C-alpha atoms as a PDB file:
ATOM      1  CA  MET A   1      49.950  88.002 134.130  1.00  0.00           C
ATOM      2  CA  LYS A   2      53.111  85.926 134.654  1.00  0.00           C
ATOM      3  CA  LYS A   3      52.374  83.982 131.463  1.00  0.00           C
ATOM      4  CA  ARG A   4      52.041  87.193 129.445  1.00  0.00           C
ATOM      5  CA  THR A   5      55.244  88.596 130.887  1.00  0.00           C
ATOM      6  CA  LEU A   6      57.076  85.356 130.184  1.00  0.00           C
ATOM      7  CA  LEU A   7      55.662  85.241 126.657  1.00  0.00           C
ATOM      8  CA  PHE A   8      56.677  88.866 126.058  1.00  0.00           C
ATOM      9  CA  ILE A   9      60.228  88.212 127.289  1.00  0.00           C
ATOM     10  CA  LEU A  10      60.465  85.073 125.163  1.00  0.00           C
ATOM     11  CA  LEU A  11      59.284  86.921 122.046  1.00  0.00           C
ATOM     12  CA  LEU A  12      61.710  89.740 122.752  1.00  0.00           C
ATOM     13  CA  ILE A  13      64.614  87.286 123.050  1.00  0.00           C
ATOM     14  CA  ILE A  14      63.622  85.466 119.862  1.00  0.00           C
ATOM     15  CA  TYR A  15      63.234  88.732 117.948  1.00  0.00           C
ATOM     16  CA  SER A  16      66.549  90.155 119.161  1.00  0.00           C
ATOM     17  CA  CYS A  17      68.403  86.952 118.289  1.00  0.00           C
ATOM     18  CA  SER A  18      66.821  86.549 114.881  1.00  0.00           C
ATOM     19  CA  SER A  19      68.728  89.304 113.106  1.00  0.00           C
ATOM     20  CA  SER A  20      72.353  88.704 112.339  1.00  0.00           C
ATOM     21  CA  ASP A  21      75.113  91.166 113.158  1.00  0.00           C
ATOM     22  CA  ASP A  22      76.799  90.185 109.920  1.00  0.00           C
ATOM     23  CA  ASN A  23      77.614  93.197 107.751  1.00  0.00           C
ATOM     24  CA  ASN A  24      76.335  91.347 104.718  1.00  0.00           C
ATOM     25  CA  ASN A  25      72.637  90.902 105.483  1.00  0.00           C
ATOM     26  CA  ASN A  26      71.080  93.736 103.513  1.00  0.00           C
ATOM     27  CA  SER A  27      70.292  94.442  99.895  1.00  0.00           C
ATOM     28  CA  ASN A  28      73.175  96.855  99.220  1.00  0.00           C
ATOM     29  CA  LEU A  29      75.626  95.790  96.569  1.00  0.00           C
ATOM     30  CA  PHE A  30      78.478  97.042  98.756  1.00  0.00           C
ATOM     31  CA  ASN A  31      78.643  96.944 102.559  1.00  0.00           C
ATOM     32  CA  PRO A  32      82.060  98.299 103.586  1.00  0.00           C
ATOM     33  CA  PRO A  33      82.753  97.972 107.307  1.00  0.00           C
ATOM     34  CA  LYS A  34      82.938 101.166 109.348  1.00  0.00           C
ATOM     35  CA  TRP A  35      86.706 100.939 109.799  1.00  0.00           C
ATOM     36  CA  ILE A  36      87.314 101.398 106.065  1.00  0.00           C
ATOM     37  CA  GLN A  37      84.671 104.037 105.346  1.00  0.00           C
ATOM     38  CA  GLY A  38      86.196 107.302 104.169  1.00  0.00           C
ATOM     39  CA  THR A  39      88.652 108.439 101.506  1.00  0.00           C
ATOM     40  CA  TRP A  40      92.044 106.733 101.198  1.00  0.00           C
ATOM     41  CA  LEU A  41      94.754 108.179  98.963  1.00  0.00           C
ATOM     42  CA  TYR A  42      98.241 107.257  97.817  1.00  0.00           C
ATOM     43  CA  ILE A  43     100.212 110.492  97.475  1.00  0.00           C
ATOM     44  CA  ASP A  44     103.728 110.590  96.011  1.00  0.00           C
ATOM     45  CA  ASN A  45     105.708 113.866  96.041  1.00  0.00           C
ATOM     46  CA  GLU A  46     102.541 115.761  96.997  1.00  0.00           C
ATOM     47  CA  VAL A  47     100.683 114.391  93.942  1.00  0.00           C
ATOM     48  CA  VAL A  48      97.657 112.111  94.262  1.00  0.00           C
ATOM     49  CA  VAL A  49      98.477 108.924  92.379  1.00  0.00           C
ATOM     50  CA  GLY A  50      95.270 107.088  93.230  1.00  0.00           C
ATOM     51  CA  GLY A  51      92.979 105.950  95.962  1.00  0.00           C
ATOM     52  CA  TYR A  52      89.598 104.729  97.035  1.00  0.00           C
ATOM     53  CA  GLU A  53      86.511 106.042  98.743  1.00  0.00           C
ATOM     54  CA  PHE A  54      84.181 103.839 100.764  1.00  0.00           C
ATOM     55  CA  THR A  55      80.744 104.815 102.039  1.00  0.00           C
ATOM     56  CA  SER A  56      78.248 102.645 103.894  1.00  0.00           C
ATOM     57  CA  ASP A  57      76.959 101.303 100.552  1.00  0.00           C
ATOM     58  CA  ASN A  58      79.457 102.242  97.860  1.00  0.00           C
ATOM     59  CA  PHE A  59      82.972 101.773  96.499  1.00  0.00           C
ATOM     60  CA  ILE A  60      84.639 104.487  94.413  1.00  0.00           C
ATOM     61  CA  SER A  61      88.012 104.209  92.690  1.00  0.00           C
ATOM     62  CA  ILE A  62      90.117 107.385  92.411  1.00  0.00           C
ATOM     63  CA  ILE A  63      92.766 107.661  89.695  1.00  0.00           C
ATOM     64  CA  GLY A  64      95.419 110.300  89.077  1.00  0.00           C
ATOM     65  CA  GLU A  65      96.182 113.855  89.985  1.00  0.00           C
ATOM     66  CA  ASN A  66      92.779 115.014  88.713  1.00  0.00           C
ATOM     67  CA  GLN A  67      91.171 112.380  90.944  1.00  0.00           C
ATOM     68  CA  LEU A  68      89.046 110.786  88.223  1.00  0.00           C
ATOM     69  CA  ARG A  69      86.384 108.812  90.091  1.00  0.00           C
ATOM     70  CA  THR A  70      84.715 105.565  89.100  1.00  0.00           C
ATOM     71  CA  ASN A  71      81.536 105.006  91.104  1.00  0.00           C
ATOM     72  CA  PHE A  72      81.021 101.232  91.188  1.00  0.00           C
ATOM     73  CA  LYS A  73      77.564 101.429  92.781  1.00  0.00           C
ATOM     74  CA  GLU A  74      76.327 103.567  89.875  1.00  0.00           C
ATOM     75  CA  LEU A  75      77.955 101.250  87.333  1.00  0.00           C
ATOM     76  CA  LEU A  76      76.350  98.157  88.829  1.00  0.00           C
ATOM     77  CA  GLU A  77      72.952  99.831  89.195  1.00  0.00           C
ATOM     78  CA  ALA A  78      73.133 100.791  85.493  1.00  0.00           C
ATOM     79  CA  SER A  79      74.006  97.181  84.718  1.00  0.00           C
ATOM     80  CA  GLN A  80      70.967  96.041  86.713  1.00  0.00           C
ATOM     81  CA  SER A  81      68.758  98.516  84.841  1.00  0.00           C
ATOM     82  CA  ALA A  82      69.993  96.969  81.593  1.00  0.00           C
ATOM     83  CA  GLY A  83      68.754  93.574  82.764  1.00  0.00           C
ATOM     84  CA  ASN A  84      71.999  92.137  84.122  1.00  0.00           C
ATOM     85  CA  THR A  85      72.430  90.630  87.577  1.00  0.00           C
ATOM     86  CA  PRO A  86      75.779  91.680  89.003  1.00  0.00           C
ATOM     87  CA  ILE A  87      76.853  89.842  92.134  1.00  0.00           C
ATOM     88  CA  VAL A  88      79.154  91.291  94.786  1.00  0.00           C
ATOM     89  CA  ASP A  89      80.615  88.628  97.055  1.00  0.00           C
ATOM     90  CA  GLU A  90      82.213  90.221 100.135  1.00  0.00           C
ATOM     91  CA  ILE A  91      84.584  89.141 102.889  1.00  0.00           C
ATOM     92  CA  ILE A  92      84.350  91.441 105.887  1.00  0.00           C
ATOM     93  CA  THR A  93      86.469  91.155 109.016  1.00  0.00           C
ATOM     94  CA  GLU A  94      88.055  93.523 111.522  1.00  0.00           C
ATOM     95  CA  THR A  95      91.135  93.824 109.297  1.00  0.00           C
ATOM     96  CA  GLU A  96      90.018  92.819 105.800  1.00  0.00           C
ATOM     97  CA  TYR A  97      87.487  94.031 103.285  1.00  0.00           C
ATOM     98  CA  SER A  98      87.588  92.024 100.070  1.00  0.00           C
ATOM     99  CA  PHE A  99      85.018  91.589  97.365  1.00  0.00           C
ATOM    100  CA  THR A 100      84.546  90.121  93.928  1.00  0.00           C
ATOM    101  CA  ILE A 101      82.263  91.792  91.416  1.00  0.00           C
ATOM    102  CA  ASP A 102      80.857  89.163  89.063  1.00  0.00           C
ATOM    103  CA  GLN A 103      78.978  90.378  86.008  1.00  0.00           C
ATOM    104  CA  GLY A 104      78.808  87.053  84.223  1.00  0.00           C
ATOM    105  CA  ILE A 105      81.283  87.742  81.436  1.00  0.00           C
ATOM    106  CA  ASN A 106      83.970  89.221  83.664  1.00  0.00           C
ATOM    107  CA  SER A 107      84.801  89.543  87.321  1.00  0.00           C
ATOM    108  CA  GLN A 108      87.006  91.876  89.332  1.00  0.00           C
ATOM    109  CA  ARG A 109      88.507  91.231  92.756  1.00  0.00           C
ATOM    110  CA  PHE A 110      89.514  93.920  95.249  1.00  0.00           C
ATOM    111  CA  SER A 111      91.196  93.279  98.603  1.00  0.00           C
ATOM    112  CA  PHE A 112      92.000  95.803 101.299  1.00  0.00           C
ATOM    113  CA  TYR A 113      93.790  95.170 104.580  1.00  0.00           C
ATOM    114  CA  LYS A 114      93.868  97.395 107.628  1.00  0.00           C
ATOM    115  CA  VAL A 115      97.436  98.325 108.561  1.00  0.00           C
ATOM    116  CA  SER A 116      96.413 100.864 111.215  1.00  0.00           C
ATOM    117  CA  SER A 117      93.438 103.144 111.908  1.00  0.00           C
ATOM    118  CA  ASN A 118      94.607 105.528 109.162  1.00  0.00           C
ATOM    119  CA  LYS A 119      96.449 103.191 106.749  1.00  0.00           C
ATOM    120  CA  ILE A 120      95.337 100.367 104.448  1.00  0.00           C
ATOM    121  CA  GLU A 121      97.048  98.312 101.762  1.00  0.00           C
ATOM    122  CA  THR A 122      95.672  96.415  98.812  1.00  0.00           C
ATOM    123  CA  GLY A 123      96.108  92.728  98.210  1.00  0.00           C
ATOM    124  CA  ASP A 124      97.886  93.150  94.887  1.00  0.00           C
ATOM    125  CA  SER A 125     100.555  95.708  95.764  1.00  0.00           C
ATOM    126  CA  LEU A 126     102.669  97.065  98.545  1.00  0.00           C
ATOM    127  CA  ILE A 127     101.151 100.520  98.257  1.00  0.00           C
ATOM    128  CA  ILE A 128      99.944 102.040 101.500  1.00  0.00           C
ATOM    129  CA  TYR A 129      96.895 104.326 101.301  1.00  0.00           C
ATOM    130  CA  THR A 130      96.375 106.976 103.984  1.00  0.00           C
ATOM    131  CA  LYS A 131      92.976 108.038 105.278  1.00  0.00           C
ATOM    132  CA  GLN A 132      92.168 111.663 104.518  1.00  0.00           C
END
């Protein structure tokens, strides 16, 4: 009985240690960390200039007062359906979410940095986006 109990405990330890806590270990194209999930907008004089929306598996760009949305997950899935192999290379930390979308011919890089629990900034500008 002791051997079975010991074996069970050993298997439990091995199983629990075998999966990584890394946010990047699944098959989603995008894996935004929890701290950035939600809608972030830059508003100037009460007009939405632009922003971003992050879900657990998606990245959406928001442009202009009419909030035109570009759903990157849908775009990349359509690219996959057409036979392409887009690659999303992510950097995920407690204060940074950056990724490069590589589609062979072209690549795009996005970087977001946590300023506070309700503010982020991008790597290419000094614009602060506020969580809605």
